[in-house]
Every structure is written in C-alpha cells, then in structure tokens.
C-alpha cells in the first residue's frame, strides 16, 4: 500500500508529462523494489478510480519495462541493458545462452520467427568461438526445428532478422540449395525495393562471399544495383563503410560518390571508423587527397587515443597510398610511443618499421624504442623481423648509439646468411643496408660479390636488374672505402666493365626534375654547361652526380678541358660534385638525408670529390636570379672551405 501511495504521488501530474514522470518514478522506486513489483503497482494505480491520468496500455508498460530492464554484466557486477527484442523468458534464455548446446536445446522448443532468427544468429557466433563441428550443429534436431520455423513463416520474418538469419546459416556452412537458405534469399529478393539502405548494406556484406547458386548471385547483383541507385540515402557511417568494403565489383564513379558521402559523415565517425575508412581506401588504392586530409584532421582532433592496431593500420595505409601527412603521422606516433613497451608480438614492430621506412618517417624516439624491443625480444623474432629492422634503419639513416650500439651486431648474428642465400634479392638488400650503416662484414661481402650469387639478379634489362647492379657497385665501394685494407687483395671484385653496362641516363620524378631544372638554370649563370660544368655524371661507384665542376681556392669555376688530360690542378683547386636533394631524397619528421644518399656523400668524398649539397629546405624558388646565383656560389665556396651540407 505504501508503494502505491508513492506511485500515486508521482502520477499526480499533467497528461503531457505522464511518460516523463512515470519513467522517473520507475528510476527512483526500482532502487528499493524489484522492477516487476513497481510495474504491477503502476498498472493498478493507473486503473484505479482515483487516477487522474489515462490507464496505461500493456504496450506502454512493456516499453517502460524494456527501457529499465538490465542483466548483470560478467564484468565486475556492472549492469547492461537488454536488447530490444528481449521481452519473454524464452528471449532472455536465448540472450543469456553460453554455448551452442544451450541454443540447440532452446531450439527444440516451440519458437517464434523472431526467436528462431535470434537463436540462429547467436548460434553461428558461438559455433565460431567454440570451433564447434558444423556437421554436429546442422544435424541437431533443435537446429532443424529452428530452420523449419523460419521456412514456414518466412513472410512474417522482419527484415533485420531475415538478413541476420541468412548470414548465420551461410556461416554455418549450409549449402546454397538448402530449403531454408533459398526461402530466405527469395523473400529478401522480393523485399529488396522496400528494404532500408542499412539493411541492404548488411545483406551485401552477408552474401558477398557466398555466390554459389544463380539465386545467390542474382540476390547479390540486385542488392548492389539497388545501392548504386540509392547511395544518397546513406546516413550511418557503418553502412557507408560496409558498402565500400563489400561492394564488389564497384565502379569508380560510384566509389567517388561514396567518398563524397564519407566527407559528409566524417564528423560523426569515431577513431575506429576513421581507421576503417582509411583501410578501405588503401585496399582499393584510392588516393583521394581531400578525403585523406579530412580524415587526418579529424583523427588529430579526436580525444580518443589511437590504439596500437590502429596505428599499425594507419601507417600501412599511408605507405600504400603514398600519403605522407605530417599531422596524421605525428598523432599516430604520439599515441604509439607510450604503448611500445606493452607490445608483445614482434610482427607488430616489423609492420610499423616497414611502413615508417616506406614513408621515410624518421622518428628517433620510436626508433630507439623499437631497437630496445629488438634487443629484449630477439629470441622471439623471426627472420622477417630482423630483415625489416635492418632495412628500415638503413633507409632512415638511423644508427643506434649509446647502450644500443651492439643491437645491430646482435641482430646480424641471429640472422642466418645460409637461409638468406636462398633468397638472393633479400640478401642483396640486407647487404646494401649494412653498407649504408657501415656494418658490412667480410662474410657478407664474399657472398654478395661472388658472380655465382649475383648473376641471376642482373641478367635482364629490367628496372629491378639495373637497381641490383647499382647496389652491387655501392657494396663494392663500401668494402673498398669504408673497411680496412688488410684483406683488400683477397676480396672478390666486380669486373672492370661492370659499371659500363649501367645506364647513364636517368629518369627523375616530376618534383625532382622541376627542382633540378631550377637549380641548373641558376648554376649556368656563372658556370656554363660544357665548358665549366658536366651534368648528370655517372660515377663507377654507382652514384650519380648532378653537376661536376672544377673550382679554384676561392670557388671560381675553371675550364674543364684544361685539366681533363691529366694536368694537375692548381694549388687549392677542387673537383666539386654538386648533389641536389629534393624532399624525396630526405627523411620526414627529422629532416636528414636518407641512408643511400648519406652513403653517396661519404663515398664520393673518399673518392676525391669536394661534395657541395643543395637541399630543397634551403632553396627559395621565389627568390630573384641574383640571390639564387649568390646562394649557389656561397654553397660551393663553403664546401671548398670544408663546411659540409646536410647529412
């Protein structure tokens, strides 16, 4: 009676506020009484002769009950709301089932189509988690009864339940000609025009990998066609991502429209959804710069941290799409740095190292952490992780220092050269990377410079063969210039005509070509091509010199013909190798020369050249010609006087 009086006081309100007051009353009273007791007394008070409000219908009571129904969570006694479809003891039993056996036993009872569909959906999930034998599941009487319920009442199955049940049956391995599968597919095909875009997207994802019969192919094609006509109706990020991922084949025109739709929905996406979007773009090799820049902006603005898995995928997608975005990569590195110590799987660091290497993203703090990881987990690393580590350090021109100086030596001891010999291209890359890091060993040199090893790598005229030839010349130069002369006579050497077979004409990237043309145009104002300067010079060590000239002690150019016949240079004169570095020649984040270019500077210097460097970071394209010429003169003069450029 006391409870009814309290409820009556809560309900003495205007009709407009009835639902709000009732829900508030349930919130308050359910803390002291069970939910069922509260609802029963609400129903009695609302129908009493003292009630000033309209009697509550069963539907209203059920709505209030569902909005407040909770079940204990397995995590520390937390409460979790029941799904909207849980309203009966059988529904609750299905929802709380813990195994396939529980669901199959429930399936033996009489079920509604809603219950049968929900049970089948959960059954597929449990079977996958338990790795259960599918033959035992599909032959069970409970499963057969659930399928029969779905088949007999297929016209009454709600759209969402039908799609979920079909997906479950397909995952459970039912054949395409199974009666229940065909019944659901036929029903969905008939309903396709009335289905929402969200349900069509779910259907597309469900049947994409199951096009075994004519009916299944027809259903998939019709669903895809419907989405092509109704893409403007997409309102949820999850539906957009599902369509972009599962719609195959998808026309470039439609994908472009979906990218426009993605731009509209970006603000509503979580970091996880933004991550999925970037992965989808990488999968389809869609380098949509406006969309990628927008994703970068939103990821950097979110307070939600970027997880290790997301960081790994973001880095991979950026490397695949050649999207070297400072804002996105900086955010990834900030969130990744404190998590490196918690990484347990070596393949994670290998993936991150490879991606950062391709992007030329030189982050010293992360590289130090990765080096520490390799040191502590070397016993669990595979050959792939060691190779990735060596190649990335060489590309990023990073040499461990301090207590980590011995890590690279440790890695090379664990890396089996005998196994790598069976992978010539990999071993050549490793040897070239060690040459870059000045870590070449006599054993590696003897293996790589053996004609029996490298002959198959250079026998064609392909770009990769020419690149391999260049690497071999670099390795021989490193063996001769960076290592002691004690065993020079015993080391194998490349044939004297090896470099003559390498092409002397090079094709530059568009950005490098534009930058190179600008510098050369200014350079010819005080050192004309031909008389005072040679351009695009190929050196036998495998390096290309952008411009070669002779200068006196003050930096003034000298005529080449006067000294090309062996005549000694005047006192203080230098042979200058001018190297022009655009942004592709240098690392990002911390701007340094890449390992290969740093090795070129080192080796050309040891070959007698005075190396003058013109990095893009110091070149002002908008400057006057006079200032450009003065900058080049000062750069050459500084090199002659011993002041080097970037390394």
Foldseek 3Di string as FASTA:
>chain_A
DVLLVVLQVLQPDDQVCRLVSLLVSLVVCCVPPPSVVNLVSNQVSQPDPPGPYHHDDPVSSQVSCQVPDWDFDPPPRDTDRDDPVPRDPLSVQLVPDDALVSLLVSLVDDDALLSLLSSLLVNLVRCVVVVPDLVVSCPRPSNVSSLVNCQVPVLVHDLQSLLSNLLSCVSSPDDCPDRSNVSSLVNCQVCVVVDALQSLLSNLLSLLVPPPDPSSVVSNVVSLVVCLVVVVRDDDLVSLLSCLQRVPPDDPVSVVVSLVVCLVCVVVDDLVSLLSVLLSCLVVLPLPPVSVVSSLVSNLVDPDAQDLVSLLSVLQSCLSNVPLDPSNNVSSCVRCLVCLVVDDDLVSLLSNLQSCQSNLADDPSVLQSSLVVCVVCVVVDDLSSLLSNLLSCLQNVHQDDDPSNCSNVVSVVVRDVVVCLVVLVSLLSNLLSCLLNLNHDLVSQQQNLDCVRCVVLQVDPDPRNLVSLLSNLLSQLSCVQSDDPPCVVVGHDDDPCSQVPRDLDDDDDPVVVVVLVLLVVLQCVQANDPFFKDASDADSSNDTFGIKGKAAQQQHTDTPVVPPVPDDDPPLMFIEGEEEAEPVQFGPPDTAGTSVVVSVCVSVVSVGHQYFYHYPVPDDSPDDSVVSNVVVSVRSNCSSVPNYDGD
